[in-house]
Amino acid sequence: MRLSFGFLSAHSSVVGGLAAAGLLMSVSAGALSPTKVTSIGVKGETRPVHRAELIRAVNDGPYDLTPERRALLNTIRYAEGTWKDGTDQGYQVMYGGGQFRDLSRHPETVVVKKYASAAAGAYQFLPATWKGVAKELNLKTFEPQHQDQAALHLIKRRGALKEVDRSGLTKTAMARLAPEWASFPNISGRSAYGQPVKSHQELARFYRENLQSLRRQSLSA
């Protein structure tokens, strides 16, 4: 079970200044470094592209990244406070808003704020959760593409992947994800752990708008 103690969204003002807008963070096992790549679907134009925009990319794992799945991953990041305007620095965020550099492994650093937690990464994996999923999927590092695959695996285990593939981010899908991500509401709109949550309406709106953008990119690519 993945419980994100502290609900990172409450700390968005703390971590907001960490984003480096306009940069794609290309990943090595040790750190992230800024890189520019050709924009999606716009010929002759060069602009930064973030992992949050990438769909149907080559993945180091079993799960395809459709626009629907990428939009869901982006929505989880938004709910967990690691969205960072879509930049890739969200993959380096620890509970409480601090950052780590080494992406060869989960940092396993306990941070004490309102709560104590070692949650880290774009999807705020606890160390034990990460170790279990990484072993199941044979993920060798904590790099962004591996974090994406691990999150999709948790979504599937909660029974929400087919629901999202078929119907989008419904209240049923949110409720299935609520035990995994404390920022998601159950059917009644509350946290599974008595913590603050995003509303059904806010998450559905973010998902819908993000999906529309991703679909446009997919069609123009």
C-alpha atoms as a PDB file:
ATOM      1  CA  MET A   1       0.000   0.000   0.000  1.00  0.00           C
ATOM      2  CA  ARG A   2       1.309   3.446  -0.958  1.00  0.00           C
ATOM      3  CA  LEU A   3       0.415   6.179   1.504  1.00  0.00           C
ATOM      4  CA  SER A   4       1.781   9.644   0.794  1.00  0.00           C
ATOM      5  CA  PHE A   5       1.906  11.123   4.280  1.00  0.00           C
ATOM      6  CA  GLY A   6       1.690  14.866   4.204  1.00  0.00           C
ATOM      7  CA  PHE A   7      -0.167  15.417   0.940  1.00  0.00           C
ATOM      8  CA  LEU A   8       2.417  17.212  -1.169  1.00  0.00           C
ATOM      9  CA  SER A   9      -0.121  19.443  -2.853  1.00  0.00           C
ATOM     10  CA  ALA A  10      -0.222  21.444   0.354  1.00  0.00           C
ATOM     11  CA  HIS A  11       3.457  22.177  -0.154  1.00  0.00           C
ATOM     12  CA  SER A  12       3.199  23.339  -3.781  1.00  0.00           C
ATOM     13  CA  SER A  13       4.189  26.870  -2.772  1.00  0.00           C
ATOM     14  CA  VAL A  14       7.393  25.472  -1.284  1.00  0.00           C
ATOM     15  CA  VAL A  15       8.386  23.458  -4.316  1.00  0.00           C
ATOM     16  CA  GLY A  16       7.010  25.828  -6.943  1.00  0.00           C
ATOM     17  CA  GLY A  17      10.255  27.776  -7.182  1.00  0.00           C
ATOM     18  CA  LEU A  18      12.181  24.631  -8.007  1.00  0.00           C
ATOM     19  CA  ALA A  19      10.750  24.263 -11.516  1.00  0.00           C
ATOM     20  CA  ALA A  20      12.981  25.231 -14.420  1.00  0.00           C
ATOM     21  CA  ALA A  21      10.421  26.094 -17.065  1.00  0.00           C
ATOM     22  CA  GLY A  22      11.503  25.510 -20.641  1.00  0.00           C
ATOM     23  CA  LEU A  23      13.824  22.631 -19.943  1.00  0.00           C
ATOM     24  CA  LEU A  24      13.562  18.953 -20.716  1.00  0.00           C
ATOM     25  CA  MET A  25      15.429  17.016 -18.078  1.00  0.00           C
ATOM     26  CA  SER A  26      17.247  14.191 -19.826  1.00  0.00           C
ATOM     27  CA  VAL A  27      18.037  11.439 -17.363  1.00  0.00           C
ATOM     28  CA  SER A  28      21.249   9.727 -16.430  1.00  0.00           C
ATOM     29  CA  ALA A  29      21.689   7.359 -13.516  1.00  0.00           C
ATOM     30  CA  GLY A  30      23.210  10.162 -11.484  1.00  0.00           C
ATOM     31  CA  ALA A  31      21.302  13.353 -12.228  1.00  0.00           C
ATOM     32  CA  LEU A  32      19.034  15.229 -14.603  1.00  0.00           C
ATOM     33  CA  SER A  33      20.455  17.646 -17.133  1.00  0.00           C
ATOM     34  CA  PRO A  34      18.646  20.114 -19.399  1.00  0.00           C
ATOM     35  CA  THR A  35      18.275  19.207 -23.059  1.00  0.00           C
ATOM     36  CA  LYS A  36      16.257  20.571 -25.956  1.00  0.00           C
ATOM     37  CA  VAL A  37      14.465  18.331 -28.426  1.00  0.00           C
ATOM     38  CA  THR A  38      12.264  18.937 -31.454  1.00  0.00           C
ATOM     39  CA  SER A  39       8.732  19.833 -30.512  1.00  0.00           C
ATOM     40  CA  ILE A  40       5.948  17.316 -31.024  1.00  0.00           C
ATOM     41  CA  GLY A  41       4.084  17.723 -34.304  1.00  0.00           C
ATOM     42  CA  VAL A  42       5.506  21.117 -35.265  1.00  0.00           C
ATOM     43  CA  LYS A  43       7.867  20.884 -38.203  1.00  0.00           C
ATOM     44  CA  GLY A  44      10.974  23.014 -38.125  1.00  0.00           C
ATOM     45  CA  GLU A  45      10.339  24.279 -34.613  1.00  0.00           C
ATOM     46  CA  THR A  46      12.598  23.488 -31.694  1.00  0.00           C
ATOM     47  CA  ARG A  47      11.281  23.860 -28.175  1.00  0.00           C
ATOM     48  CA  PRO A  48      11.617  22.019 -24.884  1.00  0.00           C
ATOM     49  CA  VAL A  49       9.521  18.875 -24.551  1.00  0.00           C
ATOM     50  CA  HIS A  50       8.812  17.403 -21.148  1.00  0.00           C
ATOM     51  CA  ARG A  51       8.127  13.800 -20.244  1.00  0.00           C
ATOM     52  CA  ALA A  52       4.597  14.866 -19.317  1.00  0.00           C
ATOM     53  CA  GLU A  53       4.001  15.451 -23.026  1.00  0.00           C
ATOM     54  CA  LEU A  54       5.435  12.182 -24.277  1.00  0.00           C
ATOM     55  CA  ILE A  55       3.005   9.554 -25.528  1.00  0.00           C
ATOM     56  CA  ARG A  56       3.576   6.261 -27.309  1.00  0.00           C
ATOM     57  CA  ALA A  57       7.267   6.628 -26.583  1.00  0.00           C
ATOM     58  CA  VAL A  58       9.650   3.692 -26.332  1.00  0.00           C
ATOM     59  CA  ASN A  59       9.266   2.512 -22.757  1.00  0.00           C
ATOM     60  CA  ASP A  60      11.585   0.474 -20.599  1.00  0.00           C
ATOM     61  CA  GLY A  61       8.746  -1.687 -19.300  1.00  0.00           C
ATOM     62  CA  PRO A  62       5.526  -3.508 -20.205  1.00  0.00           C
ATOM     63  CA  TYR A  63       3.020  -0.658 -20.267  1.00  0.00           C
ATOM     64  CA  ASP A  64       2.244   1.392 -23.369  1.00  0.00           C
ATOM     65  CA  LEU A  65       1.793   5.116 -22.844  1.00  0.00           C
ATOM     66  CA  THR A  66      -1.416   6.081 -24.586  1.00  0.00           C
ATOM     67  CA  PRO A  67      -2.730   9.650 -24.282  1.00  0.00           C
ATOM     68  CA  GLU A  68      -5.263   8.399 -21.723  1.00  0.00           C
ATOM     69  CA  ARG A  69      -2.581   6.799 -19.563  1.00  0.00           C
ATOM     70  CA  ARG A  70      -0.226   9.755 -19.838  1.00  0.00           C
ATOM     71  CA  ALA A  71      -3.070  12.091 -18.839  1.00  0.00           C
ATOM     72  CA  LEU A  72      -3.754   9.883 -15.824  1.00  0.00           C
ATOM     73  CA  LEU A  73      -0.090   9.919 -14.803  1.00  0.00           C
ATOM     74  CA  ASN A  74      -0.046  13.693 -15.171  1.00  0.00           C
ATOM     75  CA  THR A  75      -3.185  13.950 -13.040  1.00  0.00           C
ATOM     76  CA  ILE A  76      -1.597  11.865 -10.284  1.00  0.00           C
ATOM     77  CA  ARG A  77       1.405  14.193 -10.356  1.00  0.00           C
ATOM     78  CA  TYR A  78      -0.940  17.159 -10.135  1.00  0.00           C
ATOM     79  CA  ALA A  79      -2.769  15.667  -7.154  1.00  0.00           C
ATOM     80  CA  GLU A  80       0.454  14.679  -5.386  1.00  0.00           C
ATOM     81  CA  GLY A  81       2.033  18.120  -5.773  1.00  0.00           C
ATOM     82  CA  THR A  82       4.796  17.036  -8.178  1.00  0.00           C
ATOM     83  CA  TRP A  83       3.291  18.406 -11.386  1.00  0.00           C
ATOM     84  CA  LYS A  84       5.736  21.350 -11.469  1.00  0.00           C
ATOM     85  CA  ASP A  85       4.024  22.889 -14.525  1.00  0.00           C
ATOM     86  CA  GLY A  86       4.741  19.643 -16.361  1.00  0.00           C
ATOM     87  CA  THR A  87       8.516  19.878 -16.008  1.00  0.00           C
ATOM     88  CA  ASP A  88      10.521  16.777 -15.255  1.00  0.00           C
ATOM     89  CA  GLN A  89      11.868  18.005 -11.921  1.00  0.00           C
ATOM     90  CA  GLY A  90       8.806  16.466 -10.320  1.00  0.00           C
ATOM     91  CA  TYR A  91      10.561  13.117 -10.662  1.00  0.00           C
ATOM     92  CA  GLN A  92      13.169  14.377  -8.165  1.00  0.00           C
ATOM     93  CA  VAL A  93      10.827  15.611  -5.433  1.00  0.00           C
ATOM     94  CA  MET A  94      10.835  14.166  -1.939  1.00  0.00           C
ATOM     95  CA  TYR A  95       8.047  14.507   0.606  1.00  0.00           C
ATOM     96  CA  GLY A  96       7.982  18.089   1.874  1.00  0.00           C
ATOM     97  CA  GLY A  97       9.291  19.599  -1.358  1.00  0.00           C
ATOM     98  CA  GLY A  98      13.015  18.917  -1.174  1.00  0.00           C
ATOM     99  CA  GLN A  99      14.857  17.434  -4.115  1.00  0.00           C
ATOM    100  CA  PHE A 100      17.302  14.597  -4.625  1.00  0.00           C
ATOM    101  CA  ARG A 101      19.787  14.229  -7.457  1.00  0.00           C
ATOM    102  CA  ASP A 102      20.706  10.562  -7.755  1.00  0.00           C
ATOM    103  CA  LEU A 103      18.190   8.716  -9.924  1.00  0.00           C
ATOM    104  CA  SER A 104      19.999   5.411  -9.818  1.00  0.00           C
ATOM    105  CA  ARG A 105      17.840   4.404  -6.848  1.00  0.00           C
ATOM    106  CA  HIS A 106      15.039   5.534  -4.550  1.00  0.00           C
ATOM    107  CA  PRO A 107      16.559   8.056  -2.097  1.00  0.00           C
ATOM    108  CA  GLU A 108      14.991   6.346   0.951  1.00  0.00           C
ATOM    109  CA  THR A 109      15.273   9.576   2.928  1.00  0.00           C
ATOM    110  CA  VAL A 110      12.820  10.107   5.774  1.00  0.00           C
ATOM    111  CA  VAL A 111      11.641  13.720   5.957  1.00  0.00           C
ATOM    112  CA  VAL A 112       9.831  15.020   9.029  1.00  0.00           C
ATOM    113  CA  LYS A 113       7.345  17.803   8.398  1.00  0.00           C
ATOM    114  CA  LYS A 114       3.772  17.604   9.616  1.00  0.00           C
ATOM    115  CA  TYR A 115       4.211  13.865   9.151  1.00  0.00           C
ATOM    116  CA  ALA A 116       7.276  11.699   8.665  1.00  0.00           C
ATOM    117  CA  SER A 117       7.623  10.094   5.254  1.00  0.00           C
ATOM    118  CA  ALA A 118      10.216   8.765   2.827  1.00  0.00           C
ATOM    119  CA  ALA A 119       7.921   9.200  -0.181  1.00  0.00           C
ATOM    120  CA  ALA A 120       9.792  10.308  -3.295  1.00  0.00           C
ATOM    121  CA  GLY A 121       9.482  10.762  -7.034  1.00  0.00           C
ATOM    122  CA  ALA A 122       6.732  11.964  -9.329  1.00  0.00           C
ATOM    123  CA  TYR A 123       4.273   9.484  -7.827  1.00  0.00           C
ATOM    124  CA  GLN A 124       5.575   9.689  -4.252  1.00  0.00           C
ATOM    125  CA  PHE A 125       6.599   6.058  -3.899  1.00  0.00           C
ATOM    126  CA  LEU A 126       7.411   4.803  -0.424  1.00  0.00           C
ATOM    127  CA  PRO A 127      10.649   2.768  -0.405  1.00  0.00           C
ATOM    128  CA  ALA A 128       8.947  -0.564   0.276  1.00  0.00           C
ATOM    129  CA  THR A 129       6.381   0.030  -2.459  1.00  0.00           C
ATOM    130  CA  TRP A 130       9.091   0.966  -4.940  1.00  0.00           C
ATOM    131  CA  LYS A 131      11.259  -2.049  -4.109  1.00  0.00           C
ATOM    132  CA  GLY A 132       8.338  -4.414  -4.615  1.00  0.00           C
ATOM    133  CA  VAL A 133       7.250  -2.948  -7.945  1.00  0.00           C
ATOM    134  CA  ALA A 134      10.811  -2.549  -9.222  1.00  0.00           C
ATOM    135  CA  LYS A 135      11.423  -6.214  -8.516  1.00  0.00           C
ATOM    136  CA  GLU A 136       8.218  -7.280 -10.278  1.00  0.00           C
ATOM    137  CA  LEU A 137       8.997  -5.191 -13.370  1.00  0.00           C
ATOM    138  CA  ASN A 138      12.802  -5.589 -13.245  1.00  0.00           C
ATOM    139  CA  LEU A 139      13.332  -1.822 -13.072  1.00  0.00           C
ATOM    140  CA  LYS A 140      16.992  -1.092 -12.491  1.00  0.00           C
ATOM    141  CA  THR A 141      16.885   2.637 -11.706  1.00  0.00           C
ATOM    142  CA  PHE A 142      14.582   5.356 -10.389  1.00  0.00           C
ATOM    143  CA  GLU A 143      14.670   7.226 -13.676  1.00  0.00           C
ATOM    144  CA  PRO A 144      11.472   8.904 -14.967  1.00  0.00           C
ATOM    145  CA  GLN A 145      10.557   6.199 -17.477  1.00  0.00           C
ATOM    146  CA  HIS A 146      10.810   3.606 -14.713  1.00  0.00           C
ATOM    147  CA  GLN A 147       8.738   5.716 -12.334  1.00  0.00           C
ATOM    148  CA  ASP A 148       6.049   5.955 -15.037  1.00  0.00           C
ATOM    149  CA  GLN A 149       6.029   2.188 -15.510  1.00  0.00           C
ATOM    150  CA  ALA A 150       5.851   1.542 -11.769  1.00  0.00           C
ATOM    151  CA  ALA A 151       2.928   3.942 -11.384  1.00  0.00           C
ATOM    152  CA  LEU A 152       1.026   2.235 -14.196  1.00  0.00           C
ATOM    153  CA  HIS A 153       1.665  -1.104 -12.513  1.00  0.00           C
ATOM    154  CA  LEU A 154       0.160   0.183  -9.260  1.00  0.00           C
ATOM    155  CA  ILE A 155      -2.809   1.557 -11.195  1.00  0.00           C
ATOM    156  CA  LYS A 156      -3.359  -1.839 -12.791  1.00  0.00           C
ATOM    157  CA  ARG A 157      -3.091  -3.627  -9.446  1.00  0.00           C
ATOM    158  CA  ARG A 158      -5.785  -1.344  -8.049  1.00  0.00           C
ATOM    159  CA  GLY A 159      -8.087  -2.301 -10.923  1.00  0.00           C
ATOM    160  CA  ALA A 160      -8.204   1.192 -12.407  1.00  0.00           C
ATOM    161  CA  LEU A 161      -6.174   0.832 -15.613  1.00  0.00           C
ATOM    162  CA  LYS A 162      -8.916  -0.782 -17.710  1.00  0.00           C
ATOM    163  CA  GLU A 163     -11.449   1.665 -16.290  1.00  0.00           C
ATOM    164  CA  VAL A 164      -9.355   4.629 -17.400  1.00  0.00           C
ATOM    165  CA  ASP A 165      -8.555   3.045 -20.774  1.00  0.00           C
ATOM    166  CA  ARG A 166     -12.261   2.520 -21.387  1.00  0.00           C
ATOM    167  CA  SER A 167     -13.979   5.476 -19.721  1.00  0.00           C
ATOM    168  CA  GLY A 168     -11.381   8.004 -18.619  1.00  0.00           C
ATOM    169  CA  LEU A 169     -10.878   9.244 -15.077  1.00  0.00           C
ATOM    170  CA  THR A 170     -14.250   8.373 -13.589  1.00  0.00           C
ATOM    171  CA  LYS A 171     -15.244   8.566  -9.926  1.00  0.00           C
ATOM    172  CA  THR A 172     -14.918   4.785  -9.852  1.00  0.00           C
ATOM    173  CA  ALA A 173     -11.316   4.993 -11.065  1.00  0.00           C
ATOM    174  CA  MET A 174     -10.508   7.703  -8.517  1.00  0.00           C
ATOM    175  CA  ALA A 175     -11.981   5.596  -5.703  1.00  0.00           C
ATOM    176  CA  ARG A 176      -9.876   2.615  -6.759  1.00  0.00           C
ATOM    177  CA  LEU A 177      -6.760   4.776  -6.679  1.00  0.00           C
ATOM    178  CA  ALA A 178      -7.581   6.438  -3.340  1.00  0.00           C
ATOM    179  CA  PRO A 179      -5.933   3.681  -1.247  1.00  0.00           C
ATOM    180  CA  GLU A 180      -2.770   4.090  -3.336  1.00  0.00           C
ATOM    181  CA  TRP A 181      -2.555   7.882  -3.481  1.00  0.00           C
ATOM    182  CA  ALA A 182      -3.851   9.742  -0.445  1.00  0.00           C
ATOM    183  CA  SER A 183      -4.579  12.851  -2.531  1.00  0.00           C
ATOM    184  CA  PHE A 184      -7.284  10.991  -4.495  1.00  0.00           C
ATOM    185  CA  PRO A 185     -10.875  10.975  -3.215  1.00  0.00           C
ATOM    186  CA  ASN A 186     -12.971   7.886  -2.603  1.00  0.00           C
ATOM    187  CA  ILE A 187     -16.563   7.676  -3.860  1.00  0.00           C
ATOM    188  CA  SER A 188     -17.766   9.950  -1.057  1.00  0.00           C
ATOM    189  CA  GLY A 189     -15.062  12.512  -1.899  1.00  0.00           C
ATOM    190  CA  ARG A 190     -12.926  11.852   1.180  1.00  0.00           C
ATOM    191  CA  SER A 191      -9.410  10.559   1.678  1.00  0.00           C
ATOM    192  CA  ALA A 192      -8.879   6.914   2.473  1.00  0.00           C
ATOM    193  CA  TYR A 193      -6.513   8.120   5.200  1.00  0.00           C
ATOM    194  CA  GLY A 194      -8.243  11.180   6.624  1.00  0.00           C
ATOM    195  CA  GLN A 195      -5.999  13.610   4.755  1.00  0.00           C
ATOM    196  CA  PRO A 196      -6.876  16.550   2.471  1.00  0.00           C
ATOM    197  CA  VAL A 197      -7.805  15.478  -1.052  1.00  0.00           C
ATOM    198  CA  LYS A 198      -8.466  16.993  -4.437  1.00  0.00           C
ATOM    199  CA  SER A 199     -12.127  16.993  -5.434  1.00  0.00           C
ATOM    200  CA  HIS A 200     -13.594  14.723  -8.095  1.00  0.00           C
ATOM    201  CA  GLN A 201     -14.397  17.792 -10.170  1.00  0.00           C
ATOM    202  CA  GLU A 202     -10.912  19.287  -9.993  1.00  0.00           C
ATOM    203  CA  LEU A 203      -9.163  16.048 -10.934  1.00  0.00           C
ATOM    204  CA  ALA A 204     -11.634  15.275 -13.712  1.00  0.00           C
ATOM    205  CA  ARG A 205     -11.159  18.759 -15.151  1.00  0.00           C
ATOM    206  CA  PHE A 206      -7.359  18.512 -15.072  1.00  0.00           C
ATOM    207  CA  TYR A 207      -7.468  15.057 -16.648  1.00  0.00           C
ATOM    208  CA  ARG A 208      -9.885  16.132 -19.378  1.00  0.00           C
ATOM    209  CA  GLU A 209      -7.921  19.246 -20.346  1.00  0.00           C
ATOM    210  CA  ASN A 210      -4.602  17.398 -20.264  1.00  0.00           C
ATOM    211  CA  LEU A 211      -5.985  14.556 -22.369  1.00  0.00           C
ATOM    212  CA  GLN A 212      -7.293  16.975 -24.988  1.00  0.00           C
ATOM    213  CA  SER A 213      -3.826  18.518 -25.286  1.00  0.00           C
ATOM    214  CA  LEU A 214      -2.154  15.106 -25.563  1.00  0.00           C
ATOM    215  CA  ARG A 215      -4.607  13.943 -28.211  1.00  0.00           C
ATOM    216  CA  ARG A 216      -3.903  17.037 -30.282  1.00  0.00           C
ATOM    217  CA  GLN A 217      -0.204  16.278 -30.081  1.00  0.00           C
ATOM    218  CA  SER A 218      -0.829  12.658 -31.046  1.00  0.00           C
ATOM    219  CA  LEU A 219      -2.829  13.656 -34.119  1.00  0.00           C
ATOM    220  CA  SER A 220      -0.280  16.220 -35.283  1.00  0.00           C
ATOM    221  CA  ALA A 221       2.779  14.036 -34.687  1.00  0.00           C
END
